[in-house]
Amino acid sequence: MRRGFSLITALVFMILVATLGALALSLSTSSVKQTSDLYLKEQAELLALSATEYALLAISAHNFNANCLNTINSTYTQDGATTLFDINITLYYLGNGLPANCNTLTNNLNNIDTNDSNRTVIIDTIVSSATGISTEPIRYHRRTIQKP
């Protein structure tokens, strides 16, 4: 009777140790995945901030009287070979007397009363991860209103 009880106790103990080992392995792999996803998300946020600043610089360098700069598309690569993020910037202009090809919002939102607010720009910056970079797709959207 004692040997049977010892055998059952040993089996329960082995099942308990195997379950704890599987749980520890599962938690350690999910922790690594969460850390890498968090790193890529933070990198996407920083790229969106930098891309917005770059869009302001590009607007300042652009000849506004001829036409408007409506979109800027770029990629962020690692070591010049692997594309990590795609960056898409769309610009919407607010104001009076804009060139005909400018992206504008609806007419009732585009009536600017003061000259100081004329040619204000709404910058939509979308940073999305390239395929194959992470198991979960990363997409970060940043919208700002700026006066270049």
C-alpha atoms as a PDB file:
ATOM      1  CA  MET A   1       0.000   0.000   0.000  1.00  0.00           C
ATOM      2  CA  ARG A   2       2.874   2.351   0.794  1.00  0.00           C
ATOM      3  CA  ARG A   3       4.608   1.806  -2.530  1.00  0.00           C
ATOM      4  CA  GLY A   4       1.412   2.628  -4.460  1.00  0.00           C
ATOM      5  CA  PHE A   5       0.975   5.854  -2.519  1.00  0.00           C
ATOM      6  CA  SER A   6       4.612   6.799  -3.121  1.00  0.00           C
ATOM      7  CA  LEU A   7       4.217   6.165  -6.854  1.00  0.00           C
ATOM      8  CA  ILE A   8       1.119   8.380  -7.076  1.00  0.00           C
ATOM      9  CA  THR A   9       2.866  11.107  -5.059  1.00  0.00           C
ATOM     10  CA  ALA A  10       5.901  10.940  -7.365  1.00  0.00           C
ATOM     11  CA  LEU A  11       3.677  11.232 -10.463  1.00  0.00           C
ATOM     12  CA  VAL A  12       1.797  14.228  -9.049  1.00  0.00           C
ATOM     13  CA  PHE A  13       5.106  15.880  -8.138  1.00  0.00           C
ATOM     14  CA  MET A  14       6.499  15.297 -11.661  1.00  0.00           C
ATOM     15  CA  ILE A  15       3.350  16.726 -13.268  1.00  0.00           C
ATOM     16  CA  LEU A  16       3.542  19.745 -10.959  1.00  0.00           C
ATOM     17  CA  VAL A  17       7.229  20.382 -11.807  1.00  0.00           C
ATOM     18  CA  ALA A  18       6.537  19.970 -15.566  1.00  0.00           C
ATOM     19  CA  THR A  19       3.624  22.426 -15.372  1.00  0.00           C
ATOM     20  CA  LEU A  20       5.722  24.996 -13.525  1.00  0.00           C
ATOM     21  CA  GLY A  21       8.557  24.565 -16.060  1.00  0.00           C
ATOM     22  CA  ALA A  22       6.179  25.063 -19.009  1.00  0.00           C
ATOM     23  CA  LEU A  23       4.690  28.146 -17.345  1.00  0.00           C
ATOM     24  CA  ALA A  24       8.138  29.631 -16.711  1.00  0.00           C
ATOM     25  CA  LEU A  25       9.165  29.023 -20.330  1.00  0.00           C
ATOM     26  CA  SER A  26       5.952  30.580 -21.623  1.00  0.00           C
ATOM     27  CA  LEU A  27       6.369  33.680 -19.451  1.00  0.00           C
ATOM     28  CA  SER A  28      10.003  34.165 -20.447  1.00  0.00           C
ATOM     29  CA  THR A  29       9.252  33.996 -24.188  1.00  0.00           C
ATOM     30  CA  SER A  30       6.304  36.389 -23.903  1.00  0.00           C
ATOM     31  CA  SER A  31       8.462  38.801 -21.917  1.00  0.00           C
ATOM     32  CA  VAL A  32      11.060  38.895 -24.706  1.00  0.00           C
ATOM     33  CA  LYS A  33       8.321  39.484 -27.292  1.00  0.00           C
ATOM     34  CA  GLN A  34       6.788  42.300 -25.251  1.00  0.00           C
ATOM     35  CA  THR A  35      10.188  43.935 -24.788  1.00  0.00           C
ATOM     36  CA  SER A  36      10.964  43.895 -28.513  1.00  0.00           C
ATOM     37  CA  ASP A  37       7.464  45.159 -29.409  1.00  0.00           C
ATOM     38  CA  LEU A  38       7.789  47.962 -26.864  1.00  0.00           C
ATOM     39  CA  TYR A  39      11.192  48.920 -28.298  1.00  0.00           C
ATOM     40  CA  LEU A  40       9.764  49.060 -31.833  1.00  0.00           C
ATOM     41  CA  LYS A  41       6.768  51.106 -30.651  1.00  0.00           C
ATOM     42  CA  GLU A  42       9.018  53.662 -28.974  1.00  0.00           C
ATOM     43  CA  GLN A  43      11.156  53.802 -32.100  1.00  0.00           C
ATOM     44  CA  ALA A  44       8.027  54.438 -34.212  1.00  0.00           C
ATOM     45  CA  GLU A  45       7.005  57.308 -31.908  1.00  0.00           C
ATOM     46  CA  LEU A  46      10.444  58.920 -32.220  1.00  0.00           C
ATOM     47  CA  LEU A  47      10.387  58.499 -35.990  1.00  0.00           C
ATOM     48  CA  ALA A  48       6.957  60.171 -36.151  1.00  0.00           C
ATOM     49  CA  LEU A  49       8.271  63.149 -34.194  1.00  0.00           C
ATOM     50  CA  SER A  50      11.342  63.418 -36.437  1.00  0.00           C
ATOM     51  CA  ALA A  51       9.250  63.042 -39.596  1.00  0.00           C
ATOM     52  CA  THR A  52       6.959  65.863 -38.479  1.00  0.00           C
ATOM     53  CA  GLU A  53       9.953  68.130 -37.967  1.00  0.00           C
ATOM     54  CA  TYR A  54      11.298  67.078 -41.356  1.00  0.00           C
ATOM     55  CA  ALA A  55       7.944  67.952 -42.963  1.00  0.00           C
ATOM     56  CA  LEU A  56       8.147  71.460 -41.467  1.00  0.00           C
ATOM     57  CA  LEU A  57      11.651  71.820 -42.880  1.00  0.00           C
ATOM     58  CA  ALA A  58      10.513  70.593 -46.303  1.00  0.00           C
ATOM     59  CA  ILE A  59       7.578  73.035 -46.313  1.00  0.00           C
ATOM     60  CA  SER A  60       9.908  75.898 -45.446  1.00  0.00           C
ATOM     61  CA  ALA A  61      12.251  74.997 -48.310  1.00  0.00           C
ATOM     62  CA  HIS A  62       9.398  74.507 -50.827  1.00  0.00           C
ATOM     63  CA  ASN A  63       8.298  77.248 -53.260  1.00  0.00           C
ATOM     64  CA  PHE A  64       4.784  77.829 -51.961  1.00  0.00           C
ATOM     65  CA  ASN A  65       3.728  80.248 -54.715  1.00  0.00           C
ATOM     66  CA  ALA A  66       4.074  77.644 -57.494  1.00  0.00           C
ATOM     67  CA  ASN A  67       2.398  74.651 -55.830  1.00  0.00           C
ATOM     68  CA  CYS A  68       1.918  72.921 -52.490  1.00  0.00           C
ATOM     69  CA  LEU A  69       3.814  70.032 -50.983  1.00  0.00           C
ATOM     70  CA  ASN A  70       1.033  67.522 -50.244  1.00  0.00           C
ATOM     71  CA  THR A  71       2.740  64.241 -49.320  1.00  0.00           C
ATOM     72  CA  ILE A  72       6.129  62.989 -48.209  1.00  0.00           C
ATOM     73  CA  ASN A  73       6.918  59.273 -48.255  1.00  0.00           C
ATOM     74  CA  SER A  74      10.031  57.795 -46.720  1.00  0.00           C
ATOM     75  CA  THR A  75      11.443  54.625 -45.223  1.00  0.00           C
ATOM     76  CA  TYR A  76      13.667  53.981 -42.228  1.00  0.00           C
ATOM     77  CA  THR A  77      16.294  51.343 -42.915  1.00  0.00           C
ATOM     78  CA  GLN A  78      18.775  49.514 -40.733  1.00  0.00           C
ATOM     79  CA  ASP A  79      22.330  49.256 -42.045  1.00  0.00           C
ATOM     80  CA  GLY A  80      21.104  50.661 -45.357  1.00  0.00           C
ATOM     81  CA  ALA A  81      19.537  47.344 -46.325  1.00  0.00           C
ATOM     82  CA  THR A  82      16.651  46.209 -44.121  1.00  0.00           C
ATOM     83  CA  THR A  83      13.555  48.411 -44.157  1.00  0.00           C
ATOM     84  CA  LEU A  84      12.156  48.684 -40.630  1.00  0.00           C
ATOM     85  CA  PHE A  85       9.477  51.378 -40.978  1.00  0.00           C
ATOM     86  CA  ASP A  86       7.491  53.091 -43.718  1.00  0.00           C
ATOM     87  CA  ILE A  87       6.785  56.781 -43.043  1.00  0.00           C
ATOM     88  CA  ASN A  88       3.905  58.543 -44.819  1.00  0.00           C
ATOM     89  CA  ILE A  89       3.212  62.229 -44.241  1.00  0.00           C
ATOM     90  CA  THR A  90       0.091  63.969 -45.576  1.00  0.00           C
ATOM     91  CA  LEU A  91      -0.206  67.745 -45.393  1.00  0.00           C
ATOM     92  CA  TYR A  92      -3.491  69.674 -45.281  1.00  0.00           C
ATOM     93  CA  TYR A  93      -3.406  73.450 -45.647  1.00  0.00           C
ATOM     94  CA  LEU A  94      -5.707  76.014 -44.032  1.00  0.00           C
ATOM     95  CA  GLY A  95      -5.959  79.525 -45.369  1.00  0.00           C
ATOM     96  CA  ASN A  96      -7.019  81.880 -48.106  1.00  0.00           C
ATOM     97  CA  GLY A  97      -5.328  82.339 -51.471  1.00  0.00           C
ATOM     98  CA  LEU A  98      -3.788  78.872 -51.562  1.00  0.00           C
ATOM     99  CA  PRO A  99      -2.585  77.388 -54.877  1.00  0.00           C
ATOM    100  CA  ALA A 100      -5.096  75.155 -56.657  1.00  0.00           C
ATOM    101  CA  ASN A 101      -3.314  71.851 -56.020  1.00  0.00           C
ATOM    102  CA  CYS A 102      -3.174  72.154 -52.207  1.00  0.00           C
ATOM    103  CA  ASN A 103      -4.784  69.519 -49.998  1.00  0.00           C
ATOM    104  CA  THR A 104      -7.420  71.446 -48.061  1.00  0.00           C
ATOM    105  CA  LEU A 105     -10.165  70.542 -45.673  1.00  0.00           C
ATOM    106  CA  THR A 106     -13.837  71.316 -46.321  1.00  0.00           C
ATOM    107  CA  ASN A 107     -14.655  74.933 -47.181  1.00  0.00           C
ATOM    108  CA  ASN A 108     -16.327  75.838 -43.890  1.00  0.00           C
ATOM    109  CA  LEU A 109     -13.155  74.848 -41.987  1.00  0.00           C
ATOM    110  CA  ASN A 110     -10.893  76.643 -44.425  1.00  0.00           C
ATOM    111  CA  ASN A 111     -12.106  80.199 -43.732  1.00  0.00           C
ATOM    112  CA  ILE A 112      -9.255  81.915 -41.895  1.00  0.00           C
ATOM    113  CA  ASP A 113      -9.977  85.380 -40.525  1.00  0.00           C
ATOM    114  CA  THR A 114      -6.477  86.547 -39.663  1.00  0.00           C
ATOM    115  CA  ASN A 115      -3.365  86.733 -41.813  1.00  0.00           C
ATOM    116  CA  ASP A 116      -1.319  85.205 -38.984  1.00  0.00           C
ATOM    117  CA  SER A 117      -3.280  81.951 -39.297  1.00  0.00           C
ATOM    118  CA  ASN A 118      -3.126  81.852 -43.089  1.00  0.00           C
ATOM    119  CA  ARG A 119      -1.166  78.899 -44.550  1.00  0.00           C
ATOM    120  CA  THR A 120      -1.419  76.843 -41.386  1.00  0.00           C
ATOM    121  CA  VAL A 121      -0.663  73.166 -41.972  1.00  0.00           C
ATOM    122  CA  ILE A 122      -2.202  70.042 -40.451  1.00  0.00           C
ATOM    123  CA  ILE A 123       0.447  67.317 -40.584  1.00  0.00           C
ATOM    124  CA  ASP A 124      -0.662  63.675 -40.481  1.00  0.00           C
ATOM    125  CA  THR A 125       2.314  61.415 -39.893  1.00  0.00           C
ATOM    126  CA  ILE A 126       1.834  57.649 -40.077  1.00  0.00           C
ATOM    127  CA  VAL A 127       4.699  55.329 -39.181  1.00  0.00           C
ATOM    128  CA  SER A 128       4.080  51.637 -39.805  1.00  0.00           C
ATOM    129  CA  SER A 129       6.382  48.671 -39.460  1.00  0.00           C
ATOM    130  CA  ALA A 130       7.502  46.814 -42.547  1.00  0.00           C
ATOM    131  CA  THR A 131       6.377  43.247 -43.021  1.00  0.00           C
ATOM    132  CA  GLY A 132       8.402  40.626 -41.223  1.00  0.00           C
ATOM    133  CA  ILE A 133       9.844  42.945 -38.571  1.00  0.00           C
ATOM    134  CA  SER A 134       7.632  41.806 -35.699  1.00  0.00           C
ATOM    135  CA  THR A 135       4.814  39.353 -35.145  1.00  0.00           C
ATOM    136  CA  GLU A 136       2.380  42.174 -34.396  1.00  0.00           C
ATOM    137  CA  PRO A 137       2.136  45.053 -36.892  1.00  0.00           C
ATOM    138  CA  ILE A 138       3.127  48.409 -35.417  1.00  0.00           C
ATOM    139  CA  ARG A 139       1.340  51.546 -36.633  1.00  0.00           C
ATOM    140  CA  TYR A 140       1.678  54.947 -35.011  1.00  0.00           C
ATOM    141  CA  HIS A 141      -0.308  58.003 -36.119  1.00  0.00           C
ATOM    142  CA  ARG A 142       0.585  61.562 -35.090  1.00  0.00           C
ATOM    143  CA  ARG A 143      -1.455  64.621 -36.084  1.00  0.00           C
ATOM    144  CA  THR A 144      -0.201  68.133 -35.422  1.00  0.00           C
ATOM    145  CA  ILE A 145      -1.172  71.602 -36.505  1.00  0.00           C
ATOM    146  CA  GLN A 146       1.745  73.872 -37.301  1.00  0.00           C
ATOM    147  CA  LYS A 147       2.462  77.292 -38.703  1.00  0.00           C
ATOM    148  CA  PRO A 148       5.597  76.949 -40.868  1.00  0.00           C
END
